[in-house]
Amino acid sequence: MGNIRVLRVMEESPQDRVRQYERDFAARVGAKVQPGSGNKWFARMDVVGGGSFLWSVKTTDKDGFRMTSGLMDEVIAACEGPGGSGATPALSVRLGGGQEYVVLRTSDF
């Protein structure tokens, strides 16, 4: 028998999809992706810029997304809490059908 080579097609992981969406979103709004996607104490949240915004960027394959006060509280704390950036807190969500939404506090709109 000859050597049989099995080629595996690498599927894109959920983390890869999120990182790609962060890059695409940042490019569209004139912003930049935070180092480590916001997991650094000095670079919080996912994307910064596009005006004076600090963005939490979410994407899902589903047709819905659960918005909670805790989700926005995290972004607000990164902007206004101790060591906060002073930026305007914002959330971007892309749903499975490709629709994109931006969430801001009414006072920031």
C-alpha atoms as a PDB file:
ATOM      1  CA  MET A   1       0.000   0.000   0.000  1.00  0.00           C
ATOM      2  CA  GLY A   2       1.155   3.479  -0.782  1.00  0.00           C
ATOM      3  CA  ASN A   3       1.255   6.300   1.639  1.00  0.00           C
ATOM      4  CA  ILE A   4      -2.111   7.875   2.148  1.00  0.00           C
ATOM      5  CA  ARG A   5      -2.174  11.515   3.045  1.00  0.00           C
ATOM      6  CA  VAL A   6      -5.141  12.920   4.809  1.00  0.00           C
ATOM      7  CA  LEU A   7      -5.692  16.592   4.368  1.00  0.00           C
ATOM      8  CA  ARG A   8      -7.705  18.272   7.025  1.00  0.00           C
ATOM      9  CA  VAL A   9      -9.622  21.345   6.142  1.00  0.00           C
ATOM     10  CA  MET A  10      -9.247  23.734   9.015  1.00  0.00           C
ATOM     11  CA  GLU A  11     -12.563  25.194  10.005  1.00  0.00           C
ATOM     12  CA  GLU A  12     -12.625  28.713  11.292  1.00  0.00           C
ATOM     13  CA  SER A  13     -13.048  28.699  15.062  1.00  0.00           C
ATOM     14  CA  PRO A  14     -15.550  30.961  16.829  1.00  0.00           C
ATOM     15  CA  GLN A  15     -12.594  32.949  18.204  1.00  0.00           C
ATOM     16  CA  ASP A  16     -11.251  33.436  14.675  1.00  0.00           C
ATOM     17  CA  ARG A  17     -14.651  34.753  13.533  1.00  0.00           C
ATOM     18  CA  VAL A  18     -14.769  37.185  16.445  1.00  0.00           C
ATOM     19  CA  ARG A  19     -11.237  38.467  15.760  1.00  0.00           C
ATOM     20  CA  GLN A  20     -12.025  38.907  12.072  1.00  0.00           C
ATOM     21  CA  TYR A  21     -15.213  40.799  12.867  1.00  0.00           C
ATOM     22  CA  GLU A  22     -13.294  43.052  15.277  1.00  0.00           C
ATOM     23  CA  ARG A  23     -10.790  43.869  12.512  1.00  0.00           C
ATOM     24  CA  ASP A  24     -13.528  44.459   9.915  1.00  0.00           C
ATOM     25  CA  PHE A  25     -15.568  46.623  12.276  1.00  0.00           C
ATOM     26  CA  ALA A  26     -12.539  48.670  13.347  1.00  0.00           C
ATOM     27  CA  ALA A  27     -11.577  49.318   9.718  1.00  0.00           C
ATOM     28  CA  ARG A  28     -15.108  50.455   8.831  1.00  0.00           C
ATOM     29  CA  VAL A  29     -15.395  52.942  11.713  1.00  0.00           C
ATOM     30  CA  GLY A  30     -11.834  54.259  11.506  1.00  0.00           C
ATOM     31  CA  ALA A  31     -10.731  52.653  14.764  1.00  0.00           C
ATOM     32  CA  LYS A  32      -8.176  50.076  15.885  1.00  0.00           C
ATOM     33  CA  VAL A  33      -8.399  46.698  17.579  1.00  0.00           C
ATOM     34  CA  GLN A  34      -7.120  46.656  21.139  1.00  0.00           C
ATOM     35  CA  PRO A  35      -4.091  44.433  21.850  1.00  0.00           C
ATOM     36  CA  GLY A  36      -5.239  41.033  23.098  1.00  0.00           C
ATOM     37  CA  SER A  37      -8.814  41.975  22.232  1.00  0.00           C
ATOM     38  CA  GLY A  38      -9.071  43.965  25.420  1.00  0.00           C
ATOM     39  CA  ASN A  39      -7.634  41.443  27.856  1.00  0.00           C
ATOM     40  CA  LYS A  40      -4.858  43.823  28.958  1.00  0.00           C
ATOM     41  CA  TRP A  41      -5.235  46.233  31.884  1.00  0.00           C
ATOM     42  CA  PHE A  42      -3.929  49.064  29.726  1.00  0.00           C
ATOM     43  CA  ALA A  43      -6.073  48.261  26.658  1.00  0.00           C
ATOM     44  CA  ARG A  44      -9.588  47.418  27.747  1.00  0.00           C
ATOM     45  CA  MET A  45     -12.519  46.357  25.579  1.00  0.00           C
ATOM     46  CA  ASP A  46     -12.185  45.265  21.930  1.00  0.00           C
ATOM     47  CA  VAL A  47     -11.896  48.308  19.678  1.00  0.00           C
ATOM     48  CA  VAL A  48     -10.966  51.949  20.336  1.00  0.00           C
ATOM     49  CA  GLY A  49     -11.617  54.981  18.147  1.00  0.00           C
ATOM     50  CA  GLY A  50     -14.068  55.822  15.425  1.00  0.00           C
ATOM     51  CA  GLY A  51     -14.629  59.118  17.189  1.00  0.00           C
ATOM     52  CA  SER A  52     -14.224  59.030  20.936  1.00  0.00           C
ATOM     53  CA  PHE A  53     -15.670  55.541  21.440  1.00  0.00           C
ATOM     54  CA  LEU A  54     -14.478  52.479  23.319  1.00  0.00           C
ATOM     55  CA  TRP A  55     -16.245  49.476  21.812  1.00  0.00           C
ATOM     56  CA  SER A  56     -17.255  46.066  23.042  1.00  0.00           C
ATOM     57  CA  VAL A  57     -17.698  44.085  19.821  1.00  0.00           C
ATOM     58  CA  LYS A  58     -19.917  40.977  19.755  1.00  0.00           C
ATOM     59  CA  THR A  59     -20.876  38.591  16.980  1.00  0.00           C
ATOM     60  CA  THR A  60     -23.140  35.568  16.887  1.00  0.00           C
ATOM     61  CA  ASP A  61     -24.376  33.074  14.305  1.00  0.00           C
ATOM     62  CA  LYS A  62     -27.819  33.223  15.907  1.00  0.00           C
ATOM     63  CA  ASP A  63     -30.624  35.567  14.926  1.00  0.00           C
ATOM     64  CA  GLY A  64     -30.786  37.166  18.367  1.00  0.00           C
ATOM     65  CA  PHE A  65     -28.555  38.552  21.090  1.00  0.00           C
ATOM     66  CA  ARG A  66     -29.333  39.045  24.780  1.00  0.00           C
ATOM     67  CA  MET A  67     -28.587  42.593  25.857  1.00  0.00           C
ATOM     68  CA  THR A  68     -28.060  42.951  29.614  1.00  0.00           C
ATOM     69  CA  SER A  69     -27.231  45.880  31.854  1.00  0.00           C
ATOM     70  CA  GLY A  70     -24.144  43.950  32.997  1.00  0.00           C
ATOM     71  CA  LEU A  71     -22.819  43.936  29.442  1.00  0.00           C
ATOM     72  CA  MET A  72     -23.032  47.722  29.172  1.00  0.00           C
ATOM     73  CA  ASP A  73     -21.827  48.160  32.765  1.00  0.00           C
ATOM     74  CA  GLU A  74     -18.553  46.490  31.748  1.00  0.00           C
ATOM     75  CA  VAL A  75     -18.033  48.962  28.889  1.00  0.00           C
ATOM     76  CA  ILE A  76     -19.067  51.919  31.059  1.00  0.00           C
ATOM     77  CA  ALA A  77     -16.604  50.885  33.779  1.00  0.00           C
ATOM     78  CA  ALA A  78     -13.792  50.665  31.214  1.00  0.00           C
ATOM     79  CA  CYS A  79     -14.596  54.239  30.170  1.00  0.00           C
ATOM     80  CA  GLU A  80     -15.616  55.920  33.397  1.00  0.00           C
ATOM     81  CA  GLY A  81     -14.398  53.731  36.257  1.00  0.00           C
ATOM     82  CA  PRO A  82     -11.016  53.870  38.011  1.00  0.00           C
ATOM     83  CA  GLY A  83      -8.332  54.033  35.336  1.00  0.00           C
ATOM     84  CA  GLY A  84     -11.054  54.529  32.721  1.00  0.00           C
ATOM     85  CA  SER A  85     -10.225  55.864  29.299  1.00  0.00           C
ATOM     86  CA  GLY A  86     -12.753  58.721  29.308  1.00  0.00           C
ATOM     87  CA  ALA A  87     -14.114  57.489  25.960  1.00  0.00           C
ATOM     88  CA  THR A  88     -17.804  57.065  25.162  1.00  0.00           C
ATOM     89  CA  PRO A  89     -18.948  53.482  25.912  1.00  0.00           C
ATOM     90  CA  ALA A  90     -20.432  51.654  22.927  1.00  0.00           C
ATOM     91  CA  LEU A  91     -21.455  48.150  21.927  1.00  0.00           C
ATOM     92  CA  SER A  92     -21.509  46.708  18.414  1.00  0.00           C
ATOM     93  CA  VAL A  93     -23.403  43.482  17.683  1.00  0.00           C
ATOM     94  CA  ARG A  94     -23.493  41.471  14.452  1.00  0.00           C
ATOM     95  CA  LEU A  95     -26.221  38.847  14.188  1.00  0.00           C
ATOM     96  CA  GLY A  96     -26.195  35.650  12.154  1.00  0.00           C
ATOM     97  CA  GLY A  97     -27.950  37.167   9.166  1.00  0.00           C
ATOM     98  CA  GLY A  98     -25.265  39.839   8.898  1.00  0.00           C
ATOM     99  CA  GLN A  99     -27.292  42.652  10.464  1.00  0.00           C
ATOM    100  CA  GLU A 100     -25.200  44.967  12.629  1.00  0.00           C
ATOM    101  CA  TYR A 101     -26.372  47.147  15.479  1.00  0.00           C
ATOM    102  CA  VAL A 102     -24.777  49.772  17.693  1.00  0.00           C
ATOM    103  CA  VAL A 103     -25.893  50.348  21.277  1.00  0.00           C
ATOM    104  CA  LEU A 104     -25.256  53.628  23.120  1.00  0.00           C
ATOM    105  CA  ARG A 105     -26.709  55.158  26.237  1.00  0.00           C
ATOM    106  CA  THR A 106     -29.294  57.786  25.360  1.00  0.00           C
ATOM    107  CA  SER A 107     -27.170  60.389  27.151  1.00  0.00           C
ATOM    108  CA  ASP A 108     -24.239  59.581  24.824  1.00  0.00           C
ATOM    109  CA  PHE A 109     -26.291  59.727  21.624  1.00  0.00           C
END
